[in-house]
Amino acid sequence: MTDAVTALQKSLVEAGQALVSGDAADAERRAKAITALVRAERDVAEFVSVLSAVENDDEELCDELLRRLVRYAEANRHGAPPEVLERIATEGLAE
């Protein structure tokens, strides 16, 4: 990450030098490129954060489904009536 920060700082200095030398169009182009890169980095970080949350939800969902399957199998093994098995199989994830 420090390489990216160093590169962006260098680009920002170059944009400033272009502005000082009177090349406003080049300075603006460079500044827009820096802005786009920073936004892209922020978007990637946000995506990774959301993806991590989704993966955690997937783990929780799998854990819950496994618990329900175990409850269903145990109830079935102990001769639970069909309506009890159906309730276990169809109940919502939140108990």
N, C-alpha and C. Protein backbone atom coordinates (compact mmCIF):
# COMPACT_ATOMS: atom_id res chain seq x y z
N MET A 1 0.81 -1.19 0.00
CA MET A 1 0.00 0.00 0.00
C MET A 1 0.86 1.26 0.00
N THR A 2 2.00 1.20 0.66
CA THR A 2 2.85 2.39 0.71
C THR A 2 3.37 2.76 -0.67
N ASP A 3 3.57 1.78 -1.55
CA ASP A 3 3.99 2.07 -2.92
C ASP A 3 2.91 2.87 -3.64
N ALA A 4 1.66 2.49 -3.42
CA ALA A 4 0.55 3.20 -4.06
C ALA A 4 0.45 4.63 -3.55
N VAL A 5 0.61 4.80 -2.25
CA VAL A 5 0.56 6.14 -1.66
C VAL A 5 1.71 6.99 -2.20
N THR A 6 2.89 6.43 -2.27
CA THR A 6 4.05 7.15 -2.79
C THR A 6 3.82 7.55 -4.25
N ALA A 7 3.29 6.65 -5.04
CA ALA A 7 3.02 6.95 -6.45
C ALA A 7 1.97 8.05 -6.59
N LEU A 8 0.92 7.99 -5.75
CA LEU A 8 -0.10 9.04 -5.81
C LEU A 8 0.46 10.38 -5.37
N GLN A 9 1.29 10.39 -4.35
CA GLN A 9 1.91 11.64 -3.90
C GLN A 9 2.80 12.23 -5.00
N LYS A 10 3.56 11.37 -5.67
CA LYS A 10 4.42 11.82 -6.77
C LYS A 10 3.58 12.41 -7.89
N SER A 11 2.47 11.72 -8.21
CA SER A 11 1.58 12.23 -9.26
C SER A 11 0.96 13.56 -8.87
N LEU A 12 0.64 13.72 -7.61
CA LEU A 12 0.07 14.98 -7.14
C LEU A 12 1.09 16.11 -7.26
N VAL A 13 2.34 15.83 -6.92
CA VAL A 13 3.40 16.83 -7.07
C VAL A 13 3.55 17.21 -8.54
N GLU A 14 3.52 16.21 -9.42
CA GLU A 14 3.65 16.47 -10.86
C GLU A 14 2.48 17.31 -11.37
N ALA A 15 1.27 17.05 -10.85
CA ALA A 15 0.11 17.85 -11.24
C ALA A 15 0.30 19.29 -10.78
N GLY A 16 0.82 19.46 -9.57
CA GLY A 16 1.09 20.81 -9.07
C GLY A 16 2.14 21.52 -9.91
N GLN A 17 3.17 20.79 -10.32
CA GLN A 17 4.22 21.39 -11.15
C GLN A 17 3.66 21.80 -12.51
N ALA A 18 2.77 20.98 -13.06
CA ALA A 18 2.15 21.33 -14.34
C ALA A 18 1.33 22.60 -14.21
N LEU A 19 0.64 22.74 -13.09
CA LEU A 19 -0.17 23.94 -12.86
C LEU A 19 0.73 25.18 -12.72
N VAL A 20 1.81 25.03 -11.96
CA VAL A 20 2.75 26.15 -11.76
C VAL A 20 3.38 26.55 -13.08
N SER A 21 3.66 25.58 -13.93
CA SER A 21 4.31 25.89 -15.21
C SER A 21 3.32 26.45 -16.24
N GLY A 22 2.05 26.56 -15.85
CA GLY A 22 1.07 27.18 -16.73
C GLY A 22 0.27 26.20 -17.58
N ASP A 23 0.47 24.91 -17.40
CA ASP A 23 -0.27 23.92 -18.18
C ASP A 23 -1.47 23.42 -17.37
N ALA A 24 -2.49 24.27 -17.33
CA ALA A 24 -3.68 23.96 -16.52
C ALA A 24 -4.38 22.69 -17.01
N ALA A 25 -4.40 22.48 -18.30
CA ALA A 25 -5.08 21.29 -18.85
C ALA A 25 -4.38 20.01 -18.39
N ASP A 26 -3.04 20.01 -18.42
CA ASP A 26 -2.28 18.84 -17.97
C ASP A 26 -2.47 18.64 -16.46
N ALA A 27 -2.46 19.73 -15.71
CA ALA A 27 -2.65 19.64 -14.26
C ALA A 27 -4.03 19.07 -13.95
N GLU A 28 -5.03 19.54 -14.66
CA GLU A 28 -6.39 19.03 -14.44
C GLU A 28 -6.49 17.55 -14.81
N ARG A 29 -5.88 17.17 -15.91
CA ARG A 29 -5.90 15.76 -16.34
C ARG A 29 -5.25 14.89 -15.28
N ARG A 30 -4.12 15.33 -14.77
CA ARG A 30 -3.42 14.55 -13.74
C ARG A 30 -4.24 14.47 -12.45
N ALA A 31 -4.83 15.59 -12.07
CA ALA A 31 -5.64 15.61 -10.85
C ALA A 31 -6.86 14.69 -10.99
N LYS A 32 -7.48 14.70 -12.15
CA LYS A 32 -8.62 13.81 -12.37
C LYS A 32 -8.20 12.34 -12.31
N ALA A 33 -7.03 12.04 -12.84
CA ALA A 33 -6.53 10.65 -12.79
C ALA A 33 -6.28 10.23 -11.34
N ILE A 34 -5.71 11.12 -10.54
CA ILE A 34 -5.46 10.81 -9.13
C ILE A 34 -6.79 10.58 -8.41
N THR A 35 -7.76 11.46 -8.66
CA THR A 35 -9.07 11.33 -8.04
C THR A 35 -9.72 10.00 -8.41
N ALA A 36 -9.62 9.63 -9.68
CA ALA A 36 -10.21 8.37 -10.13
C ALA A 36 -9.54 7.18 -9.44
N LEU A 37 -8.23 7.23 -9.29
CA LEU A 37 -7.52 6.14 -8.61
C LEU A 37 -7.91 6.03 -7.14
N VAL A 38 -8.03 7.17 -6.48
CA VAL A 38 -8.41 7.16 -5.06
C VAL A 38 -9.83 6.62 -4.91
N ARG A 39 -10.73 7.04 -5.78
CA ARG A 39 -12.11 6.52 -5.73
C ARG A 39 -12.14 5.02 -5.98
N ALA A 40 -11.35 4.57 -6.94
CA ALA A 40 -11.31 3.14 -7.24
C ALA A 40 -10.80 2.35 -6.04
N GLU A 41 -9.78 2.86 -5.39
CA GLU A 41 -9.24 2.20 -4.19
C GLU A 41 -10.29 2.14 -3.10
N ARG A 42 -11.02 3.23 -2.90
CA ARG A 42 -12.08 3.26 -1.89
C ARG A 42 -13.18 2.27 -2.24
N ASP A 43 -13.56 2.21 -3.52
CA ASP A 43 -14.59 1.28 -3.96
C ASP A 43 -14.17 -0.17 -3.74
N VAL A 44 -12.91 -0.47 -4.03
CA VAL A 44 -12.41 -1.83 -3.82
C VAL A 44 -12.44 -2.18 -2.33
N ALA A 45 -12.02 -1.25 -1.49
CA ALA A 45 -12.05 -1.50 -0.04
C ALA A 45 -13.47 -1.73 0.44
N GLU A 46 -14.41 -0.94 -0.08
CA GLU A 46 -15.82 -1.12 0.30
C GLU A 46 -16.33 -2.47 -0.18
N PHE A 47 -15.98 -2.85 -1.39
CA PHE A 47 -16.40 -4.15 -1.94
C PHE A 47 -15.86 -5.29 -1.09
N VAL A 48 -14.60 -5.21 -0.71
CA VAL A 48 -13.99 -6.25 0.13
C VAL A 48 -14.72 -6.33 1.47
N SER A 49 -15.06 -5.18 2.02
CA SER A 49 -15.77 -5.15 3.30
C SER A 49 -17.15 -5.80 3.18
N VAL A 50 -17.88 -5.48 2.13
CA VAL A 50 -19.20 -6.06 1.90
C VAL A 50 -19.07 -7.56 1.64
N LEU A 51 -18.11 -7.94 0.85
CA LEU A 51 -17.90 -9.35 0.54
C LEU A 51 -17.60 -10.14 1.81
N SER A 52 -16.80 -9.57 2.68
CA SER A 52 -16.48 -10.22 3.95
C SER A 52 -17.73 -10.43 4.78
N ALA A 53 -18.60 -9.42 4.82
CA ALA A 53 -19.84 -9.54 5.57
C ALA A 53 -20.73 -10.63 4.97
N VAL A 54 -20.79 -10.70 3.65
CA VAL A 54 -21.61 -11.72 2.99
C VAL A 54 -21.06 -13.11 3.29
N GLU A 55 -19.73 -13.25 3.25
CA GLU A 55 -19.13 -14.54 3.55
C GLU A 55 -19.44 -14.96 4.98
N ASN A 56 -19.43 -14.00 5.91
CA ASN A 56 -19.78 -14.31 7.29
C ASN A 56 -21.23 -14.75 7.39
N ASP A 57 -22.11 -14.09 6.63
CA ASP A 57 -23.51 -14.49 6.61
C ASP A 57 -23.66 -15.90 6.07
N ASP A 58 -22.88 -16.24 5.05
CA ASP A 58 -22.92 -17.59 4.48
C ASP A 58 -22.53 -18.62 5.53
N GLU A 59 -21.52 -18.31 6.32
CA GLU A 59 -21.10 -19.23 7.38
C GLU A 59 -22.20 -19.43 8.39
N GLU A 60 -22.83 -18.33 8.80
CA GLU A 60 -23.91 -18.42 9.77
C GLU A 60 -25.08 -19.22 9.20
N LEU A 61 -25.39 -18.99 7.93
CA LEU A 61 -26.47 -19.72 7.29
C LEU A 61 -26.17 -21.21 7.25
N CYS A 62 -24.96 -21.56 6.87
CA CYS A 62 -24.57 -22.98 6.83
C CYS A 62 -24.64 -23.61 8.22
N ASP A 63 -24.19 -22.87 9.23
CA ASP A 63 -24.25 -23.37 10.60
C ASP A 63 -25.69 -23.61 11.03
N GLU A 64 -26.56 -22.66 10.70
CA GLU A 64 -27.97 -22.80 11.07
C GLU A 64 -28.61 -23.99 10.34
N LEU A 65 -28.33 -24.13 9.06
CA LEU A 65 -28.89 -25.25 8.31
C LEU A 65 -28.39 -26.59 8.86
N LEU A 66 -27.13 -26.64 9.22
CA LEU A 66 -26.59 -27.87 9.81
C LEU A 66 -27.30 -28.20 11.12
N ARG A 67 -27.52 -27.19 11.97
CA ARG A 67 -28.24 -27.42 13.22
C ARG A 67 -29.64 -27.95 12.96
N ARG A 68 -30.31 -27.37 11.97
CA ARG A 68 -31.67 -27.83 11.65
C ARG A 68 -31.67 -29.25 11.11
N LEU A 69 -30.69 -29.57 10.29
CA LEU A 69 -30.61 -30.95 9.76
C LEU A 69 -30.37 -31.95 10.88
N VAL A 70 -29.53 -31.59 11.83
CA VAL A 70 -29.27 -32.47 12.97
C VAL A 70 -30.55 -32.65 13.78
N ARG A 71 -31.27 -31.53 14.04
CA ARG A 71 -32.54 -31.64 14.78
C ARG A 71 -33.53 -32.52 14.04
N TYR A 72 -33.63 -32.35 12.72
CA TYR A 72 -34.54 -33.16 11.91
C TYR A 72 -34.16 -34.63 12.00
N ALA A 73 -32.89 -34.94 11.83
CA ALA A 73 -32.44 -36.34 11.85
C ALA A 73 -32.70 -36.97 13.21
N GLU A 74 -32.44 -36.24 14.28
CA GLU A 74 -32.68 -36.79 15.62
C GLU A 74 -34.17 -37.00 15.87
N ALA A 75 -34.97 -36.03 15.46
CA ALA A 75 -36.42 -36.18 15.64
C ALA A 75 -36.93 -37.37 14.83
N ASN A 76 -36.46 -37.52 13.62
CA ASN A 76 -36.87 -38.63 12.77
C ASN A 76 -36.43 -39.96 13.38
N ARG A 77 -35.23 -40.01 13.89
CA ARG A 77 -34.70 -41.23 14.49
C ARG A 77 -35.51 -41.63 15.74
N HIS A 78 -36.03 -40.63 16.45
CA HIS A 78 -36.82 -40.91 17.65
C HIS A 78 -38.31 -41.08 17.35
N GLY A 79 -38.67 -41.16 16.07
CA GLY A 79 -40.05 -41.44 15.69
C GLY A 79 -41.00 -40.27 15.79
N ALA A 80 -40.52 -39.06 15.60
CA ALA A 80 -41.39 -37.88 15.65
C ALA A 80 -42.45 -37.97 14.57
N PRO A 81 -43.64 -37.47 14.85
CA PRO A 81 -44.71 -37.50 13.84
C PRO A 81 -44.36 -36.61 12.64
N PRO A 82 -44.96 -36.89 11.50
CA PRO A 82 -44.64 -36.13 10.27
C PRO A 82 -44.81 -34.62 10.42
N GLU A 83 -45.82 -34.17 11.20
CA GLU A 83 -46.02 -32.72 11.33
C GLU A 83 -44.86 -32.05 12.07
N VAL A 84 -44.24 -32.76 13.01
CA VAL A 84 -43.07 -32.22 13.71
C VAL A 84 -41.89 -32.14 12.75
N LEU A 85 -41.69 -33.19 11.97
CA LEU A 85 -40.60 -33.19 10.99
C LEU A 85 -40.81 -32.08 9.96
N GLU A 86 -42.06 -31.89 9.55
CA GLU A 86 -42.36 -30.84 8.57
C GLU A 86 -42.06 -29.45 9.17
N ARG A 87 -42.43 -29.25 10.44
CA ARG A 87 -42.18 -27.97 11.09
C ARG A 87 -40.69 -27.68 11.15
N ILE A 88 -39.92 -28.70 11.52
CA ILE A 88 -38.45 -28.53 11.60
C ILE A 88 -37.90 -28.20 10.21
N ALA A 89 -38.39 -28.87 9.19
CA ALA A 89 -37.88 -28.68 7.84
C ALA A 89 -38.27 -27.33 7.24
N THR A 90 -39.40 -26.77 7.66
CA THR A 90 -39.90 -25.56 7.00
C THR A 90 -39.81 -24.31 7.85
N GLU A 91 -39.41 -24.43 9.09
CA GLU A 91 -39.37 -23.24 9.95
C GLU A 91 -38.33 -22.25 9.45
N GLY A 92 -38.54 -20.99 9.80
CA GLY A 92 -37.60 -19.94 9.39
C GLY A 92 -36.25 -20.13 10.05
N LEU A 93 -35.27 -19.44 9.55
CA LEU A 93 -33.93 -19.56 10.10
C LEU A 93 -33.82 -18.95 11.48
N ALA A 94 -34.62 -17.95 11.76
CA ALA A 94 -34.57 -17.35 13.10
C ALA A 94 -35.46 -18.14 14.03
N GLU A 95 -34.87 -18.59 15.11
CA GLU A 95 -35.63 -19.37 16.06
C GLU A 95 -35.93 -18.57 17.29
